[in-house]
Amino acid sequence: MNCKKAIILAAGTASRLRPLTLHTPKCLLKVGERTLLERSMDALIKAGIREFVIVTGYLHEQIENFVQQTYGNRISACFIHNKDYETTNNIYSLWLARPKADGEEVLLLDSDLLYDGQIVERVLADSHENVLTLIRHELGEEEMKVVMNEDGAITEISKTCDPASAAGESLGIERMGKAYTTALYKELDGMMNEEHLENTFYELAFLRLIAKGSTFSVLDVTDLFSCELDTVEDFENAKQRIPAHLY
């Protein structure tokens, strides 16, 4: 699979990170000398991604200006503005990316991840068409948990499942082939236009597609650094935990 396009979701307000995010979108917060978005985009560019579709919302002008000033003509960047970012969740931002993602081979990422860029390289090198990254650690209520059967197939992906039954947490990086994105947007069409599930997580669509025969192969990347950044405490811990070679 020769994936060259990344869909980056960057609309949220990250209210739990205030005051850090009062005047700065979460993805533009810095760890070391680079912002989270810059770290991610640098890793994607190194891995061969050249086309970026960035769904913005909160303080969207800052994100657009940053990408244009930092990368210029080195990449192709398309910005889609989610004007309803305060009342919707990431599933709606993904829905808005439909014109650029439906029927396309894409890499889907949350914009606020802090991770070793080698993870992207592994995802793109994986032999499976559809890949979901997994990290194993002690789980609680907040994580997007992944449950698998004895054959390694995903049976559930949600925040509400029993942590004890889960194999790990979905990191928030997925690779999707053309057939998968076609099925995904068909599912999202009903979820958005008929059921009005705009304020849910996109993993609900993944869960529904499993029952219809469309799923992901799981790629365990626990051995490579990644870090959650949901609170100010998380952010301070991340600065201490990040390996020196990534700082």
C-alpha atoms as a PDB file:
ATOM      1  CA  MET A   1       0.000   0.000   0.000  1.00  0.00           C
ATOM      2  CA  ASN A   2       1.481   3.305  -1.100  1.00  0.00           C
ATOM      3  CA  CYS A   3      -0.265   5.730   1.248  1.00  0.00           C
ATOM      4  CA  LYS A   4       0.680   9.372   0.633  1.00  0.00           C
ATOM      5  CA  LYS A   5      -2.152  11.240   2.365  1.00  0.00           C
ATOM      6  CA  ALA A   6      -2.692  12.028   6.045  1.00  0.00           C
ATOM      7  CA  ILE A   7      -5.930  13.201   7.645  1.00  0.00           C
ATOM      8  CA  ILE A   8      -5.137  15.100  10.858  1.00  0.00           C
ATOM      9  CA  LEU A   9      -7.961  16.004  13.237  1.00  0.00           C
ATOM     10  CA  ALA A  10      -7.196  19.255  15.077  1.00  0.00           C
ATOM     11  CA  ALA A  11     -10.522  20.873  15.976  1.00  0.00           C
ATOM     12  CA  GLY A  12     -10.850  20.361  19.728  1.00  0.00           C
ATOM     13  CA  THR A  13     -10.591  22.955  22.501  1.00  0.00           C
ATOM     14  CA  ALA A  14      -8.622  20.727  24.928  1.00  0.00           C
ATOM     15  CA  SER A  15     -10.382  22.353  27.868  1.00  0.00           C
ATOM     16  CA  ARG A  16      -8.704  20.019  30.370  1.00  0.00           C
ATOM     17  CA  LEU A  17      -5.342  21.505  29.388  1.00  0.00           C
ATOM     18  CA  ARG A  18      -6.274  25.037  30.340  1.00  0.00           C
ATOM     19  CA  PRO A  19      -4.653  27.463  30.992  1.00  0.00           C
ATOM     20  CA  LEU A  20      -2.121  26.107  28.466  1.00  0.00           C
ATOM     21  CA  THR A  21      -4.769  26.088  25.746  1.00  0.00           C
ATOM     22  CA  LEU A  22      -6.535  29.355  26.550  1.00  0.00           C
ATOM     23  CA  HIS A  23      -4.779  31.120  23.678  1.00  0.00           C
ATOM     24  CA  THR A  24      -3.064  28.229  21.887  1.00  0.00           C
ATOM     25  CA  PRO A  25      -4.561  25.129  20.247  1.00  0.00           C
ATOM     26  CA  LYS A  26      -3.343  21.932  21.858  1.00  0.00           C
ATOM     27  CA  CYS A  27      -1.471  20.737  18.785  1.00  0.00           C
ATOM     28  CA  LEU A  28       0.673  23.901  18.836  1.00  0.00           C
ATOM     29  CA  LEU A  29       1.911  23.369  22.391  1.00  0.00           C
ATOM     30  CA  LYS A  30       5.625  22.681  22.488  1.00  0.00           C
ATOM     31  CA  VAL A  31       7.592  19.798  23.922  1.00  0.00           C
ATOM     32  CA  GLY A  32      11.238  20.739  23.579  1.00  0.00           C
ATOM     33  CA  GLU A  33      11.760  22.949  20.548  1.00  0.00           C
ATOM     34  CA  ARG A  34       8.873  21.636  18.451  1.00  0.00           C
ATOM     35  CA  THR A  35       5.102  21.701  18.651  1.00  0.00           C
ATOM     36  CA  LEU A  36       3.104  18.475  18.772  1.00  0.00           C
ATOM     37  CA  LEU A  37       1.795  19.098  15.255  1.00  0.00           C
ATOM     38  CA  GLU A  38       5.287  19.808  13.940  1.00  0.00           C
ATOM     39  CA  ARG A  39       6.653  16.624  15.470  1.00  0.00           C
ATOM     40  CA  SER A  40       3.872  14.611  13.861  1.00  0.00           C
ATOM     41  CA  MET A  41       4.127  16.266  10.461  1.00  0.00           C
ATOM     42  CA  ASP A  42       7.913  15.908  10.429  1.00  0.00           C
ATOM     43  CA  ALA A  43       7.531  12.178  11.082  1.00  0.00           C
ATOM     44  CA  LEU A  44       4.906  11.868   8.353  1.00  0.00           C
ATOM     45  CA  ILE A  45       7.007  13.761   5.817  1.00  0.00           C
ATOM     46  CA  LYS A  46      10.034  11.610   6.643  1.00  0.00           C
ATOM     47  CA  ALA A  47       7.880   8.535   6.007  1.00  0.00           C
ATOM     48  CA  GLY A  48       6.847   9.794   2.568  1.00  0.00           C
ATOM     49  CA  ILE A  49       3.537  11.560   3.246  1.00  0.00           C
ATOM     50  CA  ARG A  50       3.168  14.680   1.109  1.00  0.00           C
ATOM     51  CA  GLU A  51      -0.541  15.494   1.182  1.00  0.00           C
ATOM     52  CA  PHE A  52      -2.121  16.722   4.394  1.00  0.00           C
ATOM     53  CA  VAL A  53      -5.799  17.295   5.136  1.00  0.00           C
ATOM     54  CA  ILE A  54      -6.119  19.105   8.467  1.00  0.00           C
ATOM     55  CA  VAL A  55      -9.535  19.535  10.063  1.00  0.00           C
ATOM     56  CA  THR A  56      -9.411  22.580  12.314  1.00  0.00           C
ATOM     57  CA  GLY A  57     -11.827  24.268  14.694  1.00  0.00           C
ATOM     58  CA  TYR A  58     -10.640  26.048  17.839  1.00  0.00           C
ATOM     59  CA  LEU A  59      -8.204  28.888  17.008  1.00  0.00           C
ATOM     60  CA  HIS A  60      -8.001  27.531  13.462  1.00  0.00           C
ATOM     61  CA  GLU A  61      -6.128  30.535  12.060  1.00  0.00           C
ATOM     62  CA  GLN A  62      -3.143  29.767  14.275  1.00  0.00           C
ATOM     63  CA  ILE A  63      -2.911  26.218  12.938  1.00  0.00           C
ATOM     64  CA  GLU A  64      -3.286  27.279   9.315  1.00  0.00           C
ATOM     65  CA  ASN A  65      -0.667  30.015   9.663  1.00  0.00           C
ATOM     66  CA  PHE A  66       1.742  27.701  11.458  1.00  0.00           C
ATOM     67  CA  VAL A  67       1.568  25.004   8.788  1.00  0.00           C
ATOM     68  CA  GLN A  68       1.898  27.477   5.937  1.00  0.00           C
ATOM     69  CA  GLN A  69       4.833  29.312   7.537  1.00  0.00           C
ATOM     70  CA  THR A  70       6.637  26.147   8.640  1.00  0.00           C
ATOM     71  CA  TYR A  71       6.198  23.963   5.554  1.00  0.00           C
ATOM     72  CA  GLY A  72       5.280  26.313   2.702  1.00  0.00           C
ATOM     73  CA  ASN A  73       5.375  24.576  -0.671  1.00  0.00           C
ATOM     74  CA  ARG A  74       7.170  21.495   0.649  1.00  0.00           C
ATOM     75  CA  ILE A  75       3.810  19.794   1.126  1.00  0.00           C
ATOM     76  CA  SER A  76       0.229  20.002  -0.116  1.00  0.00           C
ATOM     77  CA  ALA A  77      -2.008  21.169   2.739  1.00  0.00           C
ATOM     78  CA  CYS A  78      -5.804  21.408   2.671  1.00  0.00           C
ATOM     79  CA  PHE A  79      -7.621  22.912   5.653  1.00  0.00           C
ATOM     80  CA  ILE A  80     -11.217  22.027   6.489  1.00  0.00           C
ATOM     81  CA  HIS A  81     -12.858  24.127   9.202  1.00  0.00           C
ATOM     82  CA  ASN A  82     -15.242  22.509  11.654  1.00  0.00           C
ATOM     83  CA  LYS A  83     -17.243  25.561  12.705  1.00  0.00           C
ATOM     84  CA  ASP A  84     -19.242  23.405  15.128  1.00  0.00           C
ATOM     85  CA  TYR A  85     -16.172  22.270  17.066  1.00  0.00           C
ATOM     86  CA  GLU A  86     -17.664  23.303  20.425  1.00  0.00           C
ATOM     87  CA  THR A  87     -20.686  21.009  20.090  1.00  0.00           C
ATOM     88  CA  THR A  88     -19.277  18.082  18.101  1.00  0.00           C
ATOM     89  CA  ASN A  89     -16.648  15.390  18.622  1.00  0.00           C
ATOM     90  CA  ASN A  90     -13.909  13.951  16.406  1.00  0.00           C
ATOM     91  CA  ILE A  91     -16.378  11.808  14.439  1.00  0.00           C
ATOM     92  CA  TYR A  92     -17.828  14.986  12.939  1.00  0.00           C
ATOM     93  CA  SER A  93     -14.381  16.316  12.017  1.00  0.00           C
ATOM     94  CA  LEU A  94     -13.682  13.008  10.275  1.00  0.00           C
ATOM     95  CA  TRP A  95     -17.030  13.299   8.492  1.00  0.00           C
ATOM     96  CA  LEU A  96     -16.093  16.762   7.202  1.00  0.00           C
ATOM     97  CA  ALA A  97     -12.969  15.269   5.606  1.00  0.00           C
ATOM     98  CA  ARG A  98     -15.122  13.109   3.335  1.00  0.00           C
ATOM     99  CA  PRO A  99     -14.340  14.959   0.063  1.00  0.00           C
ATOM    100  CA  LYS A 100     -10.634  14.235   0.597  1.00  0.00           C
ATOM    101  CA  ALA A 101     -10.822  10.795   2.218  1.00  0.00           C
ATOM    102  CA  ASP A 102     -13.769   8.788   0.853  1.00  0.00           C
ATOM    103  CA  GLY A 103     -12.431   5.984  -1.326  1.00  0.00           C
ATOM    104  CA  GLU A 104      -8.833   7.060  -0.702  1.00  0.00           C
ATOM    105  CA  GLU A 105      -5.856   5.404   0.981  1.00  0.00           C
ATOM    106  CA  VAL A 106      -5.228   7.527   4.066  1.00  0.00           C
ATOM    107  CA  LEU A 107      -3.451   7.681   7.379  1.00  0.00           C
ATOM    108  CA  LEU A 108      -5.734   9.050  10.120  1.00  0.00           C
ATOM    109  CA  LEU A 109      -4.215  10.771  13.145  1.00  0.00           C
ATOM    110  CA  ASP A 110      -5.259  12.831  16.100  1.00  0.00           C
ATOM    111  CA  SER A 111      -3.254  16.075  16.106  1.00  0.00           C
ATOM    112  CA  ASP A 112      -2.309  16.064  19.766  1.00  0.00           C
ATOM    113  CA  LEU A 113      -0.209  12.911  19.951  1.00  0.00           C
ATOM    114  CA  LEU A 114       3.341  12.778  21.259  1.00  0.00           C
ATOM    115  CA  TYR A 115       5.080   9.701  19.887  1.00  0.00           C
ATOM    116  CA  ASP A 116       8.208   8.254  18.324  1.00  0.00           C
ATOM    117  CA  GLY A 117       8.096   8.868  14.567  1.00  0.00           C
ATOM    118  CA  GLN A 118       9.152   5.267  13.962  1.00  0.00           C
ATOM    119  CA  ILE A 119       5.543   4.339  14.733  1.00  0.00           C
ATOM    120  CA  VAL A 120       4.435   5.980  11.473  1.00  0.00           C
ATOM    121  CA  GLU A 121       7.109   4.106   9.552  1.00  0.00           C
ATOM    122  CA  ARG A 122       5.919   0.792  11.019  1.00  0.00           C
ATOM    123  CA  VAL A 123       2.294   1.549  10.180  1.00  0.00           C
ATOM    124  CA  LEU A 124       3.137   2.358   6.578  1.00  0.00           C
ATOM    125  CA  ALA A 125       5.419  -0.680   6.237  1.00  0.00           C
ATOM    126  CA  ASP A 126       2.843  -3.118   7.636  1.00  0.00           C
ATOM    127  CA  SER A 127       1.656  -5.681   5.086  1.00  0.00           C
ATOM    128  CA  HIS A 128      -2.011  -5.344   6.041  1.00  0.00           C
ATOM    129  CA  GLU A 129      -4.249  -2.877   4.237  1.00  0.00           C
ATOM    130  CA  ASN A 130      -5.957  -1.523   7.355  1.00  0.00           C
ATOM    131  CA  VAL A 131      -3.898  -1.023  10.516  1.00  0.00           C
ATOM    132  CA  LEU A 132      -4.754   0.249  14.007  1.00  0.00           C
ATOM    133  CA  THR A 133      -1.970   1.031  16.478  1.00  0.00           C
ATOM    134  CA  LEU A 134      -2.177  -0.343  20.011  1.00  0.00           C
ATOM    135  CA  ILE A 135      -0.264   0.411  23.196  1.00  0.00           C
ATOM    136  CA  ARG A 136      -0.387  -1.854  26.245  1.00  0.00           C
ATOM    137  CA  HIS A 137      -0.445  -0.345  29.733  1.00  0.00           C
ATOM    138  CA  GLU A 138      -2.672  -0.204  32.794  1.00  0.00           C
ATOM    139  CA  LEU A 139      -6.089   0.973  31.636  1.00  0.00           C
ATOM    140  CA  GLY A 140      -8.778   3.071  33.274  1.00  0.00           C
ATOM    141  CA  GLU A 141     -12.045   4.679  32.236  1.00  0.00           C
ATOM    142  CA  GLU A 142     -10.661   7.389  29.947  1.00  0.00           C
ATOM    143  CA  GLU A 143      -8.722   5.346  27.404  1.00  0.00           C
ATOM    144  CA  MET A 144     -10.111   4.207  24.056  1.00  0.00           C
ATOM    145  CA  LYS A 145      -9.797   0.505  24.785  1.00  0.00           C
ATOM    146  CA  VAL A 146      -9.392  -2.337  22.283  1.00  0.00           C
ATOM    147  CA  VAL A 147     -10.710  -5.837  23.001  1.00  0.00           C
ATOM    148  CA  MET A 148      -9.465  -8.733  20.869  1.00  0.00           C
ATOM    149  CA  ASN A 149     -10.358 -12.406  20.626  1.00  0.00           C
ATOM    150  CA  GLU A 150      -7.886 -15.298  20.828  1.00  0.00           C
ATOM    151  CA  ASP A 151      -7.148 -14.918  17.115  1.00  0.00           C
ATOM    152  CA  GLY A 152      -6.110 -11.290  17.562  1.00  0.00           C
ATOM    153  CA  ALA A 153      -9.198  -9.871  15.844  1.00  0.00           C
ATOM    154  CA  ILE A 154     -10.835  -6.757  17.280  1.00  0.00           C
ATOM    155  CA  THR A 155     -14.190  -7.491  18.898  1.00  0.00           C
ATOM    156  CA  GLU A 156     -14.771  -4.149  20.598  1.00  0.00           C
ATOM    157  CA  ILE A 157     -13.294  -0.669  20.624  1.00  0.00           C
ATOM    158  CA  SER A 158     -14.730   1.864  23.053  1.00  0.00           C
ATOM    159  CA  LYS A 159     -14.118   3.835  26.227  1.00  0.00           C
ATOM    160  CA  THR A 160     -16.868   2.023  28.093  1.00  0.00           C
ATOM    161  CA  CYS A 161     -15.748  -1.599  27.857  1.00  0.00           C
ATOM    162  CA  ASP A 162     -14.236  -3.354  30.872  1.00  0.00           C
ATOM    163  CA  PRO A 163     -10.540  -2.389  31.183  1.00  0.00           C
ATOM    164  CA  ALA A 164      -9.766  -5.917  32.398  1.00  0.00           C
ATOM    165  CA  SER A 165     -10.952  -7.407  29.115  1.00  0.00           C
ATOM    166  CA  ALA A 166      -9.002  -5.021  26.892  1.00  0.00           C
ATOM    167  CA  ALA A 167      -5.688  -5.791  25.221  1.00  0.00           C
ATOM    168  CA  GLY A 168      -4.631  -2.162  25.321  1.00  0.00           C
ATOM    169  CA  GLU A 169      -5.390   1.360  24.193  1.00  0.00           C
ATOM    170  CA  SER A 170      -5.851   2.624  20.660  1.00  0.00           C
ATOM    171  CA  LEU A 171      -3.055   5.151  20.131  1.00  0.00           C
ATOM    172  CA  GLY A 172      -4.962   7.228  17.589  1.00  0.00           C
ATOM    173  CA  ILE A 173      -3.078   6.385  14.389  1.00  0.00           C
ATOM    174  CA  GLU A 174      -4.867   4.281  11.775  1.00  0.00           C
ATOM    175  CA  ARG A 175      -4.107   3.366   8.180  1.00  0.00           C
ATOM    176  CA  MET A 176      -7.078   2.734   5.913  1.00  0.00           C
ATOM    177  CA  GLY A 177      -7.306   1.350   2.406  1.00  0.00           C
ATOM    178  CA  LYS A 178      -9.712   2.472  -0.317  1.00  0.00           C
ATOM    179  CA  ALA A 179     -12.321  -0.190   0.448  1.00  0.00           C
ATOM    180  CA  TYR A 180     -12.285   0.696   4.139  1.00  0.00           C
ATOM    181  CA  THR A 181     -12.734   4.440   3.669  1.00  0.00           C
ATOM    182  CA  THR A 182     -15.557   3.759   1.224  1.00  0.00           C
ATOM    183  CA  ALA A 183     -17.321   1.600   3.829  1.00  0.00           C
ATOM    184  CA  LEU A 184     -16.486   4.099   6.585  1.00  0.00           C
ATOM    185  CA  TYR A 185     -18.089   7.070   4.892  1.00  0.00           C
ATOM    186  CA  LYS A 186     -21.130   5.056   3.949  1.00  0.00           C
ATOM    187  CA  GLU A 187     -21.516   4.262   7.659  1.00  0.00           C
ATOM    188  CA  LEU A 188     -20.829   7.841   8.703  1.00  0.00           C
ATOM    189  CA  ASP A 189     -23.456   9.119   6.267  1.00  0.00           C
ATOM    190  CA  GLY A 190     -26.203   7.425   8.258  1.00  0.00           C
ATOM    191  CA  MET A 191     -24.652   8.265  11.598  1.00  0.00           C
ATOM    192  CA  MET A 192     -24.466  11.973  10.778  1.00  0.00           C
ATOM    193  CA  ASN A 193     -27.533  12.592   8.620  1.00  0.00           C
ATOM    194  CA  GLU A 194     -30.035  10.166  10.133  1.00  0.00           C
ATOM    195  CA  GLU A 195     -28.919   9.388  13.695  1.00  0.00           C
ATOM    196  CA  HIS A 196     -27.197  12.725  14.401  1.00  0.00           C
ATOM    197  CA  LEU A 197     -24.331  11.214  16.348  1.00  0.00           C
ATOM    198  CA  GLU A 198     -22.064  14.202  15.780  1.00  0.00           C
ATOM    199  CA  ASN A 199     -20.944  14.281  19.410  1.00  0.00           C
ATOM    200  CA  THR A 200     -19.463  10.785  19.619  1.00  0.00           C
ATOM    201  CA  PHE A 201     -16.016   9.327  18.931  1.00  0.00           C
ATOM    202  CA  TYR A 202     -15.169   8.032  15.449  1.00  0.00           C
ATOM    203  CA  GLU A 203     -14.318   4.657  16.953  1.00  0.00           C
ATOM    204  CA  LEU A 204     -18.076   4.027  17.157  1.00  0.00           C
ATOM    205  CA  ALA A 205     -18.054   3.823  13.366  1.00  0.00           C
ATOM    206  CA  PHE A 206     -15.094   1.425  13.522  1.00  0.00           C
ATOM    207  CA  LEU A 207     -17.058  -0.781  15.934  1.00  0.00           C
ATOM    208  CA  ARG A 208     -20.103  -0.838  13.674  1.00  0.00           C
ATOM    209  CA  LEU A 209     -18.012  -1.736  10.651  1.00  0.00           C
ATOM    210  CA  ILE A 210     -16.501  -4.747  12.433  1.00  0.00           C
ATOM    211  CA  ALA A 211     -19.957  -6.334  12.477  1.00  0.00           C
ATOM    212  CA  LYS A 212     -20.185  -5.705   8.727  1.00  0.00           C
ATOM    213  CA  GLY A 213     -16.863  -7.343   7.923  1.00  0.00           C
ATOM    214  CA  SER A 214     -14.586  -4.295   7.729  1.00  0.00           C
ATOM    215  CA  THR A 215     -11.883  -4.174  10.380  1.00  0.00           C
ATOM    216  CA  PHE A 216      -8.253  -3.437  11.211  1.00  0.00           C
ATOM    217  CA  SER A 217      -5.176  -5.514  11.823  1.00  0.00           C
ATOM    218  CA  VAL A 218      -3.700  -4.520  15.191  1.00  0.00           C
ATOM    219  CA  LEU A 219      -0.110  -3.262  15.309  1.00  0.00           C
ATOM    220  CA  ASP A 220       1.392  -3.286  18.809  1.00  0.00           C
ATOM    221  CA  VAL A 221       3.780  -0.334  19.197  1.00  0.00           C
ATOM    222  CA  THR A 222       4.191  -0.476  22.975  1.00  0.00           C
ATOM    223  CA  ASP A 223       7.971  -0.739  22.617  1.00  0.00           C
ATOM    224  CA  LEU A 224       8.171   2.740  21.083  1.00  0.00           C
ATOM    225  CA  PHE A 225       7.581   5.940  23.056  1.00  0.00           C
ATOM    226  CA  SER A 226       4.134   7.511  23.090  1.00  0.00           C
ATOM    227  CA  CYS A 227       2.415   9.650  25.667  1.00  0.00           C
ATOM    228  CA  GLU A 228      -1.082  10.886  26.503  1.00  0.00           C
ATOM    229  CA  LEU A 229      -1.510  14.620  26.910  1.00  0.00           C
ATOM    230  CA  ASP A 230      -4.966  15.200  28.326  1.00  0.00           C
ATOM    231  CA  THR A 231      -4.132  17.317  31.375  1.00  0.00           C
ATOM    232  CA  VAL A 232      -1.536  19.875  32.484  1.00  0.00           C
ATOM    233  CA  GLU A 233      -0.025  17.155  34.678  1.00  0.00           C
ATOM    234  CA  ASP A 234       0.248  14.854  31.644  1.00  0.00           C
ATOM    235  CA  PHE A 235       2.051  17.590  29.759  1.00  0.00           C
ATOM    236  CA  GLU A 236       4.577  18.178  32.524  1.00  0.00           C
ATOM    237  CA  ASN A 237       5.170  14.426  32.869  1.00  0.00           C
ATOM    238  CA  ALA A 238       5.699  14.124  29.124  1.00  0.00           C
ATOM    239  CA  LYS A 239       8.550  16.599  29.225  1.00  0.00           C
ATOM    240  CA  GLN A 240      10.269  14.350  31.764  1.00  0.00           C
ATOM    241  CA  ARG A 241       9.450  11.062  30.061  1.00  0.00           C
ATOM    242  CA  ILE A 242      10.306  11.806  26.445  1.00  0.00           C
ATOM    243  CA  PRO A 243      13.539  10.054  25.410  1.00  0.00           C
ATOM    244  CA  ALA A 244      16.530  12.345  24.913  1.00  0.00           C
ATOM    245  CA  HIS A 245      16.860  11.463  21.223  1.00  0.00           C
ATOM    246  CA  LEU A 246      13.307  12.688  20.593  1.00  0.00           C
ATOM    247  CA  TYR A 247      13.482  15.837  22.689  1.00  0.00           C
END
